[in-house]
Amino acid sequence: MLPKLAIPRSAWSSSAPFIYLQQTSAVAESDVRKLIHDPVELFTRMVQPVLWLVVFGQVFARTRAIPTGGLPYLDFMAPGILAQSVLFGAIFYGISLIWERDLGVVHKFLVSPAPRTALVLGRAVSSAIRGFCQALVLYVVALLLGVHLRLEWHAMVGVLAVVSLGAATFSTFSLIAACIVKSRERFMGIGQVLTMPLFFASNAIYPLSMMPAWLRALSSVNPLTYQVDALRYLMVQGGHIEFGLGFDFYVQILVFALLIAIAAKLYPSIIR
């Protein structure tokens, strides 16, 4: 059953921002319900990041081949793997839009009075909630592996904020891809093509200083780079920040706002 997107003015404040918030939360709630009823997909997408941390991280921690600025390699890598987990979970989020299009759900959303930005933003919020679950699992695994995590409340709130922004950004990017390709088969191919370049053209598993100039140039326009940079400072003890926390958030918010605008414009095209 779809949540009600039209809120009677007699029952709620007539304030436009309040109504917009209600419409956004209704879309988010419908997606979160699916996660509650079927959490298996979330945990299956966690397997690969956990393996990276447990296997790849343990091996490279022994080689000592990657300069980490004095951090143990597992500590250096853990924020990157959390960012990878969020990326991998969000980048395939758009396939749910194609499924809902085929079931006629998207048509019902589009004839509702909710603005297109509310429909897109609601999906981004639900993806952020998925990111919280992924962060919890990665924190537990990292603690078991002896990663020196920062457990101060303000650092953890910062991590959740970065994870939320990352999940919302890449899920919105995924929705844009779904609106363009319109096919499950094509979308799966696009998702596979996008994830690895985004991951490897970032500072997730090695520092920017190790990259050749052309790869550093690519990483500078990769939002995942700024997500990892902020997570490395907020998540682990002694984590070094490259660009500054404020700048990391600024870039992520700017990219997210741009993607929301594009996705809202393209959203109706999914049914054509």
C-alpha atoms as a PDB file:
ATOM      1  CA  MET A   1       0.000   0.000   0.000  1.00  0.00           C
ATOM      2  CA  LEU A   2       1.331   3.426  -0.934  1.00  0.00           C
ATOM      3  CA  PRO A   3       1.609   6.093   1.757  1.00  0.00           C
ATOM      4  CA  LYS A   4      -0.646   9.114   1.370  1.00  0.00           C
ATOM      5  CA  LEU A   5       1.241  11.905  -0.312  1.00  0.00           C
ATOM      6  CA  ALA A   6      -1.603  14.416  -0.242  1.00  0.00           C
ATOM      7  CA  ILE A   7      -1.849  15.823   3.277  1.00  0.00           C
ATOM      8  CA  PRO A   8      -5.188  17.492   4.118  1.00  0.00           C
ATOM      9  CA  ARG A   9      -4.636  21.102   5.086  1.00  0.00           C
ATOM     10  CA  SER A  10      -7.244  20.796   7.811  1.00  0.00           C
ATOM     11  CA  ALA A  11      -5.130  18.166   9.581  1.00  0.00           C
ATOM     12  CA  TRP A  12      -1.697  19.718   9.147  1.00  0.00           C
ATOM     13  CA  SER A  13      -0.165  23.134   9.017  1.00  0.00           C
ATOM     14  CA  SER A  14      -0.677  24.907   5.704  1.00  0.00           C
ATOM     15  CA  SER A  15       3.021  25.770   5.636  1.00  0.00           C
ATOM     16  CA  ALA A  16       4.489  24.707   2.281  1.00  0.00           C
ATOM     17  CA  PRO A  17       7.823  23.529   3.772  1.00  0.00           C
ATOM     18  CA  PHE A  18       5.956  21.394   6.312  1.00  0.00           C
ATOM     19  CA  ILE A  19       3.826  19.766   3.604  1.00  0.00           C
ATOM     20  CA  TYR A  20       6.947  19.188   1.491  1.00  0.00           C
ATOM     21  CA  LEU A  21       8.621  17.492   4.456  1.00  0.00           C
ATOM     22  CA  GLN A  22       5.600  15.264   4.986  1.00  0.00           C
ATOM     23  CA  GLN A  23       5.559  14.231   1.329  1.00  0.00           C
ATOM     24  CA  THR A  24       9.290  13.477   1.369  1.00  0.00           C
ATOM     25  CA  SER A  25       9.023  11.405   4.547  1.00  0.00           C
ATOM     26  CA  ALA A  26       6.087   9.463   3.086  1.00  0.00           C
ATOM     27  CA  VAL A  27       8.210   8.365   0.110  1.00  0.00           C
ATOM     28  CA  ALA A  28      11.102   7.485   2.419  1.00  0.00           C
ATOM     29  CA  GLU A  29       8.808   5.496   4.688  1.00  0.00           C
ATOM     30  CA  SER A  30       7.512   3.374   1.814  1.00  0.00           C
ATOM     31  CA  ASP A  31      11.088   2.378   0.924  1.00  0.00           C
ATOM     32  CA  VAL A  32      12.113   1.729   4.529  1.00  0.00           C
ATOM     33  CA  ARG A  33       9.140  -0.615   4.935  1.00  0.00           C
ATOM     34  CA  LYS A  34      10.542  -2.773   2.122  1.00  0.00           C
ATOM     35  CA  LEU A  35      13.892  -2.923   3.912  1.00  0.00           C
ATOM     36  CA  ILE A  36      12.233  -3.986   7.176  1.00  0.00           C
ATOM     37  CA  HIS A  37      10.254  -6.746   5.471  1.00  0.00           C
ATOM     38  CA  ASP A  38      13.216  -8.006   3.420  1.00  0.00           C
ATOM     39  CA  PRO A  39      16.605  -7.121   4.978  1.00  0.00           C
ATOM     40  CA  VAL A  40      18.415  -9.951   3.146  1.00  0.00           C
ATOM     41  CA  GLU A  41      19.481  -7.707   0.245  1.00  0.00           C
ATOM     42  CA  LEU A  42      21.148  -5.291   2.646  1.00  0.00           C
ATOM     43  CA  PHE A  43      23.217  -8.007   4.321  1.00  0.00           C
ATOM     44  CA  THR A  44      24.190  -9.706   1.057  1.00  0.00           C
ATOM     45  CA  ARG A  45      25.611  -6.396  -0.162  1.00  0.00           C
ATOM     46  CA  MET A  46      27.666  -6.242   3.045  1.00  0.00           C
ATOM     47  CA  VAL A  47      29.552  -9.463   2.278  1.00  0.00           C
ATOM     48  CA  GLN A  48      31.968  -7.969  -0.258  1.00  0.00           C
ATOM     49  CA  PRO A  49      33.063  -4.969   1.885  1.00  0.00           C
ATOM     50  CA  VAL A  50      33.578  -7.221   4.915  1.00  0.00           C
ATOM     51  CA  LEU A  51      35.729  -9.562   2.818  1.00  0.00           C
ATOM     52  CA  TRP A  52      37.792  -6.590   1.630  1.00  0.00           C
ATOM     53  CA  LEU A  53      38.429  -5.559   5.211  1.00  0.00           C
ATOM     54  CA  VAL A  54      39.081  -9.060   6.561  1.00  0.00           C
ATOM     55  CA  VAL A  55      41.101 -10.523   3.666  1.00  0.00           C
ATOM     56  CA  PHE A  56      42.588  -7.669   1.618  1.00  0.00           C
ATOM     57  CA  GLY A  57      43.197  -5.494   4.661  1.00  0.00           C
ATOM     58  CA  GLN A  58      44.895  -8.241   6.651  1.00  0.00           C
ATOM     59  CA  VAL A  59      47.211  -9.148   3.771  1.00  0.00           C
ATOM     60  CA  PHE A  60      48.271  -5.583   2.953  1.00  0.00           C
ATOM     61  CA  ALA A  61      48.715  -4.775   6.616  1.00  0.00           C
ATOM     62  CA  ARG A  62      51.555  -7.331   6.591  1.00  0.00           C
ATOM     63  CA  THR A  63      53.262  -6.039   3.450  1.00  0.00           C
ATOM     64  CA  ARG A  64      53.685  -2.462   4.764  1.00  0.00           C
ATOM     65  CA  ALA A  65      53.954  -1.372   1.123  1.00  0.00           C
ATOM     66  CA  ILE A  66      51.458   1.495   1.310  1.00  0.00           C
ATOM     67  CA  PRO A  67      52.381   4.711   3.159  1.00  0.00           C
ATOM     68  CA  THR A  68      49.579   5.552   5.596  1.00  0.00           C
ATOM     69  CA  GLY A  69      50.983   8.481   7.525  1.00  0.00           C
ATOM     70  CA  GLY A  70      51.721   6.454  10.645  1.00  0.00           C
ATOM     71  CA  LEU A  71      48.326   4.705  10.795  1.00  0.00           C
ATOM     72  CA  PRO A  72      48.106   0.898  10.861  1.00  0.00           C
ATOM     73  CA  TYR A  73      46.890  -0.133   7.428  1.00  0.00           C
ATOM     74  CA  LEU A  74      43.630  -1.605   8.757  1.00  0.00           C
ATOM     75  CA  ASP A  75      42.884   1.717  10.445  1.00  0.00           C
ATOM     76  CA  PHE A  76      43.697   3.544   7.205  1.00  0.00           C
ATOM     77  CA  MET A  77      41.543   1.198   5.150  1.00  0.00           C
ATOM     78  CA  ALA A  78      38.464   0.889   7.387  1.00  0.00           C
ATOM     79  CA  PRO A  79      36.945   4.302   6.444  1.00  0.00           C
ATOM     80  CA  GLY A  80      37.516   3.532   2.766  1.00  0.00           C
ATOM     81  CA  ILE A  81      35.736   0.210   3.079  1.00  0.00           C
ATOM     82  CA  LEU A  82      32.812   1.858   4.859  1.00  0.00           C
ATOM     83  CA  ALA A  83      32.599   4.321   1.959  1.00  0.00           C
ATOM     84  CA  GLN A  84      32.840   1.390  -0.472  1.00  0.00           C
ATOM     85  CA  SER A  85      30.001  -0.377   1.323  1.00  0.00           C
ATOM     86  CA  VAL A  86      27.813   2.707   1.034  1.00  0.00           C
ATOM     87  CA  LEU A  87      28.750   3.118  -2.638  1.00  0.00           C
ATOM     88  CA  PHE A  88      28.035  -0.492  -3.570  1.00  0.00           C
ATOM     89  CA  GLY A  89      24.729  -0.469  -1.703  1.00  0.00           C
ATOM     90  CA  ALA A  90      23.538   2.824  -3.206  1.00  0.00           C
ATOM     91  CA  ILE A  91      24.747   2.498  -6.798  1.00  0.00           C
ATOM     92  CA  PHE A  92      22.272  -0.331  -7.528  1.00  0.00           C
ATOM     93  CA  TYR A  93      19.413   1.464  -5.793  1.00  0.00           C
ATOM     94  CA  GLY A  94      17.998   2.655  -9.097  1.00  0.00           C
ATOM     95  CA  ILE A  95      16.964  -0.860 -10.093  1.00  0.00           C
ATOM     96  CA  SER A  96      14.152  -0.634  -7.539  1.00  0.00           C
ATOM     97  CA  LEU A  97      12.806   2.339  -9.510  1.00  0.00           C
ATOM     98  CA  ILE A  98      12.679   0.197 -12.658  1.00  0.00           C
ATOM     99  CA  TRP A  99      10.900  -2.595 -10.757  1.00  0.00           C
ATOM    100  CA  GLU A 100       8.354  -0.113  -9.384  1.00  0.00           C
ATOM    101  CA  ARG A 101       7.868   1.331 -12.871  1.00  0.00           C
ATOM    102  CA  ASP A 102       7.015  -2.150 -14.167  1.00  0.00           C
ATOM    103  CA  LEU A 103       4.585  -2.688 -11.253  1.00  0.00           C
ATOM    104  CA  GLY A 104       2.858   0.638 -11.848  1.00  0.00           C
ATOM    105  CA  VAL A 105       3.949   2.145  -8.522  1.00  0.00           C
ATOM    106  CA  VAL A 106       5.905   4.998 -10.092  1.00  0.00           C
ATOM    107  CA  HIS A 107       2.849   6.053 -12.101  1.00  0.00           C
ATOM    108  CA  LYS A 108       0.898   6.487  -8.856  1.00  0.00           C
ATOM    109  CA  PHE A 109       3.642   8.588  -7.330  1.00  0.00           C
ATOM    110  CA  LEU A 110       3.824  10.790 -10.418  1.00  0.00           C
ATOM    111  CA  VAL A 111       0.096  11.609 -10.388  1.00  0.00           C
ATOM    112  CA  SER A 112       0.288  12.609  -6.715  1.00  0.00           C
ATOM    113  CA  PRO A 113       0.565  16.313  -5.829  1.00  0.00           C
ATOM    114  CA  ALA A 114       4.065  15.792  -4.421  1.00  0.00           C
ATOM    115  CA  PRO A 115       6.829  17.759  -6.204  1.00  0.00           C
ATOM    116  CA  ARG A 116       9.313  15.664  -8.168  1.00  0.00           C
ATOM    117  CA  THR A 117      12.116  16.789  -5.874  1.00  0.00           C
ATOM    118  CA  ALA A 118      10.186  15.350  -2.895  1.00  0.00           C
ATOM    119  CA  LEU A 119       9.886  11.987  -4.684  1.00  0.00           C
ATOM    120  CA  VAL A 120      13.629  11.922  -5.368  1.00  0.00           C
ATOM    121  CA  LEU A 121      14.651  13.276  -1.968  1.00  0.00           C
ATOM    122  CA  GLY A 122      12.464  10.713  -0.200  1.00  0.00           C
ATOM    123  CA  ARG A 123      14.334   7.908  -1.922  1.00  0.00           C
ATOM    124  CA  ALA A 124      17.644   9.524  -0.985  1.00  0.00           C
ATOM    125  CA  VAL A 125      16.563   9.648   2.677  1.00  0.00           C
ATOM    126  CA  SER A 126      15.660   5.959   2.659  1.00  0.00           C
ATOM    127  CA  SER A 127      19.068   5.170   1.153  1.00  0.00           C
ATOM    128  CA  ALA A 128      20.695   7.145   3.984  1.00  0.00           C
ATOM    129  CA  ILE A 129      18.872   4.915   6.485  1.00  0.00           C
ATOM    130  CA  ARG A 130      20.318   1.884   4.715  1.00  0.00           C
ATOM    131  CA  GLY A 131      23.723   3.524   5.080  1.00  0.00           C
ATOM    132  CA  PHE A 132      23.236   3.681   8.869  1.00  0.00           C
ATOM    133  CA  CYS A 133      22.767  -0.111   8.941  1.00  0.00           C
ATOM    134  CA  GLN A 134      25.884  -0.629   6.838  1.00  0.00           C
ATOM    135  CA  ALA A 135      27.916   1.650   9.123  1.00  0.00           C
ATOM    136  CA  LEU A 136      26.803  -0.343  12.171  1.00  0.00           C
ATOM    137  CA  VAL A 137      27.931  -3.654  10.654  1.00  0.00           C
ATOM    138  CA  LEU A 138      31.293  -2.219   9.529  1.00  0.00           C
ATOM    139  CA  TYR A 139      31.906  -0.715  12.965  1.00  0.00           C
ATOM    140  CA  VAL A 140      31.357  -4.104  14.607  1.00  0.00           C
ATOM    141  CA  VAL A 141      33.700  -5.877  12.149  1.00  0.00           C
ATOM    142  CA  ALA A 142      36.343  -3.153  12.514  1.00  0.00           C
ATOM    143  CA  LEU A 143      36.241  -3.396  16.312  1.00  0.00           C
ATOM    144  CA  LEU A 144      36.652  -7.177  16.126  1.00  0.00           C
ATOM    145  CA  LEU A 145      39.708  -6.701  13.891  1.00  0.00           C
ATOM    146  CA  GLY A 146      41.285  -4.269  16.352  1.00  0.00           C
ATOM    147  CA  VAL A 147      40.811  -1.046  14.360  1.00  0.00           C
ATOM    148  CA  HIS A 148      41.320   1.981  16.630  1.00  0.00           C
ATOM    149  CA  LEU A 149      37.964   3.675  16.158  1.00  0.00           C
ATOM    150  CA  ARG A 150      36.968   7.046  17.525  1.00  0.00           C
ATOM    151  CA  LEU A 151      33.947   6.385  19.728  1.00  0.00           C
ATOM    152  CA  GLU A 152      33.259   9.946  20.892  1.00  0.00           C
ATOM    153  CA  TRP A 153      29.625  10.860  20.276  1.00  0.00           C
ATOM    154  CA  HIS A 154      30.452  13.886  18.108  1.00  0.00           C
ATOM    155  CA  ALA A 155      32.800  11.846  15.890  1.00  0.00           C
ATOM    156  CA  MET A 156      30.156   9.136  15.439  1.00  0.00           C
ATOM    157  CA  VAL A 157      27.499  11.738  14.610  1.00  0.00           C
ATOM    158  CA  GLY A 158      29.905  13.117  12.002  1.00  0.00           C
ATOM    159  CA  VAL A 159      30.400   9.633  10.541  1.00  0.00           C
ATOM    160  CA  LEU A 160      26.634   9.154  10.270  1.00  0.00           C
ATOM    161  CA  ALA A 161      26.321  12.535   8.551  1.00  0.00           C
ATOM    162  CA  VAL A 162      29.004  11.617   5.999  1.00  0.00           C
ATOM    163  CA  VAL A 163      27.493   8.169   5.419  1.00  0.00           C
ATOM    164  CA  SER A 164      24.049   9.742   4.941  1.00  0.00           C
ATOM    165  CA  LEU A 165      25.372  12.209   2.394  1.00  0.00           C
ATOM    166  CA  GLY A 166      27.317   9.510   0.557  1.00  0.00           C
ATOM    167  CA  ALA A 167      24.374   7.107   0.401  1.00  0.00           C
ATOM    168  CA  ALA A 168      21.982   9.858  -0.687  1.00  0.00           C
ATOM    169  CA  THR A 169      24.393  11.129  -3.351  1.00  0.00           C
ATOM    170  CA  PHE A 170      25.143   7.780  -4.970  1.00  0.00           C
ATOM    171  CA  SER A 171      21.541   6.540  -4.754  1.00  0.00           C
ATOM    172  CA  THR A 172      20.404   9.719  -6.532  1.00  0.00           C
ATOM    173  CA  PHE A 173      23.098   9.159  -9.149  1.00  0.00           C
ATOM    174  CA  SER A 174      21.733   5.634  -9.490  1.00  0.00           C
ATOM    175  CA  LEU A 175      18.198   6.975 -10.029  1.00  0.00           C
ATOM    176  CA  ILE A 176      19.504   9.203 -12.823  1.00  0.00           C
ATOM    177  CA  ALA A 177      21.111   6.181 -14.492  1.00  0.00           C
ATOM    178  CA  ALA A 178      17.841   4.229 -14.154  1.00  0.00           C
ATOM    179  CA  CYS A 179      15.872   7.069 -15.755  1.00  0.00           C
ATOM    180  CA  ILE A 180      18.281   7.073 -18.700  1.00  0.00           C
ATOM    181  CA  VAL A 181      18.683   3.348 -19.401  1.00  0.00           C
ATOM    182  CA  LYS A 182      15.118   2.276 -18.332  1.00  0.00           C
ATOM    183  CA  SER A 183      16.037  -1.429 -18.495  1.00  0.00           C
ATOM    184  CA  ARG A 184      17.085  -3.782 -15.677  1.00  0.00           C
ATOM    185  CA  GLU A 185      19.632  -5.562 -17.853  1.00  0.00           C
ATOM    186  CA  ARG A 186      21.271  -2.346 -19.042  1.00  0.00           C
ATOM    187  CA  PHE A 187      21.191  -0.887 -15.554  1.00  0.00           C
ATOM    188  CA  MET A 188      23.023  -3.873 -14.046  1.00  0.00           C
ATOM    189  CA  GLY A 189      25.742  -3.484 -16.662  1.00  0.00           C
ATOM    190  CA  ILE A 190      26.033   0.253 -15.997  1.00  0.00           C
ATOM    191  CA  GLY A 191      26.213  -0.353 -12.243  1.00  0.00           C
ATOM    192  CA  GLN A 192      29.039  -2.844 -12.628  1.00  0.00           C
ATOM    193  CA  VAL A 193      30.947  -0.440 -14.879  1.00  0.00           C
ATOM    194  CA  LEU A 194      30.601   2.503 -12.486  1.00  0.00           C
ATOM    195  CA  THR A 195      31.419   0.991  -9.099  1.00  0.00           C
ATOM    196  CA  MET A 196      35.013  -0.093  -9.630  1.00  0.00           C
ATOM    197  CA  PRO A 197      36.260   3.118 -11.328  1.00  0.00           C
ATOM    198  CA  LEU A 198      34.641   5.209  -8.580  1.00  0.00           C
ATOM    199  CA  PHE A 199      36.227   3.048  -5.899  1.00  0.00           C
ATOM    200  CA  PHE A 200      39.730   2.775  -7.344  1.00  0.00           C
ATOM    201  CA  ALA A 201      39.858   6.437  -8.454  1.00  0.00           C
ATOM    202  CA  SER A 202      39.581   7.493  -4.813  1.00  0.00           C
ATOM    203  CA  ASN A 203      41.705   7.424  -1.680  1.00  0.00           C
ATOM    204  CA  ALA A 204      39.819   4.469  -0.198  1.00  0.00           C
ATOM    205  CA  ILE A 205      42.674   1.940  -0.126  1.00  0.00           C
ATOM    206  CA  TYR A 206      45.752   4.036  -0.930  1.00  0.00           C
ATOM    207  CA  PRO A 207      46.690   7.688  -0.396  1.00  0.00           C
ATOM    208  CA  LEU A 208      46.451  10.301  -3.116  1.00  0.00           C
ATOM    209  CA  SER A 209      50.222  10.744  -2.988  1.00  0.00           C
ATOM    210  CA  MET A 210      50.711   7.294  -4.545  1.00  0.00           C
ATOM    211  CA  MET A 211      48.579   8.068  -7.591  1.00  0.00           C
ATOM    212  CA  PRO A 212      49.927   9.161 -10.966  1.00  0.00           C
ATOM    213  CA  ALA A 213      48.939  12.707 -11.948  1.00  0.00           C
ATOM    214  CA  TRP A 214      46.077  11.658 -14.252  1.00  0.00           C
ATOM    215  CA  LEU A 215      44.498   9.507 -11.523  1.00  0.00           C
ATOM    216  CA  ARG A 216      44.836  12.297  -8.958  1.00  0.00           C
ATOM    217  CA  ALA A 217      42.987  14.551 -11.389  1.00  0.00           C
ATOM    218  CA  LEU A 218      40.171  12.012 -11.642  1.00  0.00           C
ATOM    219  CA  SER A 219      40.025  11.538  -7.878  1.00  0.00           C
ATOM    220  CA  SER A 220      39.655  15.302  -7.383  1.00  0.00           C
ATOM    221  CA  VAL A 221      36.253  15.211  -9.146  1.00  0.00           C
ATOM    222  CA  ASN A 222      35.183  11.945  -7.507  1.00  0.00           C
ATOM    223  CA  PRO A 223      32.767  12.593  -4.594  1.00  0.00           C
ATOM    224  CA  LEU A 224      33.878   9.328  -2.989  1.00  0.00           C
ATOM    225  CA  THR A 225      37.323  10.887  -2.391  1.00  0.00           C
ATOM    226  CA  TYR A 226      35.830  13.584  -0.163  1.00  0.00           C
ATOM    227  CA  GLN A 227      33.615  11.091   1.617  1.00  0.00           C
ATOM    228  CA  VAL A 228      36.612   8.907   2.477  1.00  0.00           C
ATOM    229  CA  ASP A 229      38.665  11.938   3.508  1.00  0.00           C
ATOM    230  CA  ALA A 230      36.027  13.026   6.024  1.00  0.00           C
ATOM    231  CA  LEU A 231      35.478   9.463   7.290  1.00  0.00           C
ATOM    232  CA  ARG A 232      39.188   8.880   7.820  1.00  0.00           C
ATOM    233  CA  TYR A 233      39.374  11.908  10.105  1.00  0.00           C
ATOM    234  CA  LEU A 234      36.120  11.209  11.973  1.00  0.00           C
ATOM    235  CA  MET A 235      36.234   7.422  12.205  1.00  0.00           C
ATOM    236  CA  VAL A 236      39.752   6.407  13.294  1.00  0.00           C
ATOM    237  CA  GLN A 237      42.151   7.678  15.914  1.00  0.00           C
ATOM    238  CA  GLY A 238      44.946   9.743  14.389  1.00  0.00           C
ATOM    239  CA  GLY A 239      43.242   9.897  11.004  1.00  0.00           C
ATOM    240  CA  HIS A 240      44.692  12.559   8.702  1.00  0.00           C
ATOM    241  CA  ILE A 241      42.406  14.848   6.706  1.00  0.00           C
ATOM    242  CA  GLU A 242      43.594  16.038   3.311  1.00  0.00           C
ATOM    243  CA  PHE A 243      41.131  18.757   2.300  1.00  0.00           C
ATOM    244  CA  GLY A 244      39.511  19.916   5.533  1.00  0.00           C
ATOM    245  CA  LEU A 245      36.248  18.707   7.038  1.00  0.00           C
ATOM    246  CA  GLY A 246      34.272  21.769   5.987  1.00  0.00           C
ATOM    247  CA  PHE A 247      35.422  21.481   2.383  1.00  0.00           C
ATOM    248  CA  ASP A 248      34.618  17.747   2.311  1.00  0.00           C
ATOM    249  CA  PHE A 249      31.051  18.454   3.422  1.00  0.00           C
ATOM    250  CA  TYR A 250      30.743  21.395   1.027  1.00  0.00           C
ATOM    251  CA  VAL A 251      31.700  19.280  -1.996  1.00  0.00           C
ATOM    252  CA  GLN A 252      29.373  16.442  -1.023  1.00  0.00           C
ATOM    253  CA  ILE A 253      26.411  18.758  -0.406  1.00  0.00           C
ATOM    254  CA  LEU A 254      27.037  20.580  -3.687  1.00  0.00           C
ATOM    255  CA  VAL A 255      27.178  17.324  -5.683  1.00  0.00           C
ATOM    256  CA  PHE A 256      24.072  16.002  -3.923  1.00  0.00           C
ATOM    257  CA  ALA A 257      22.068  19.177  -4.644  1.00  0.00           C
ATOM    258  CA  LEU A 258      23.106  19.063  -8.313  1.00  0.00           C
ATOM    259  CA  LEU A 259      22.122  15.391  -8.640  1.00  0.00           C
ATOM    260  CA  ILE A 260      18.757  16.006  -6.946  1.00  0.00           C
ATOM    261  CA  ALA A 261      17.970  18.720  -9.496  1.00  0.00           C
ATOM    262  CA  ILE A 262      18.932  16.447 -12.421  1.00  0.00           C
ATOM    263  CA  ALA A 263      17.055  13.437 -11.021  1.00  0.00           C
ATOM    264  CA  ALA A 264      13.894  15.494 -10.420  1.00  0.00           C
ATOM    265  CA  LYS A 265      14.013  16.654 -14.042  1.00  0.00           C
ATOM    266  CA  LEU A 266      14.501  13.128 -15.411  1.00  0.00           C
ATOM    267  CA  TYR A 267      12.196  11.268 -12.985  1.00  0.00           C
ATOM    268  CA  PRO A 268       9.025  11.376 -15.157  1.00  0.00           C
ATOM    269  CA  SER A 269      10.958   9.996 -18.144  1.00  0.00           C
ATOM    270  CA  ILE A 270      11.222   6.575 -16.459  1.00  0.00           C
ATOM    271  CA  ILE A 271       7.620   5.768 -17.516  1.00  0.00           C
ATOM    272  CA  ARG A 272       8.036   6.818 -21.158  1.00  0.00           C
END
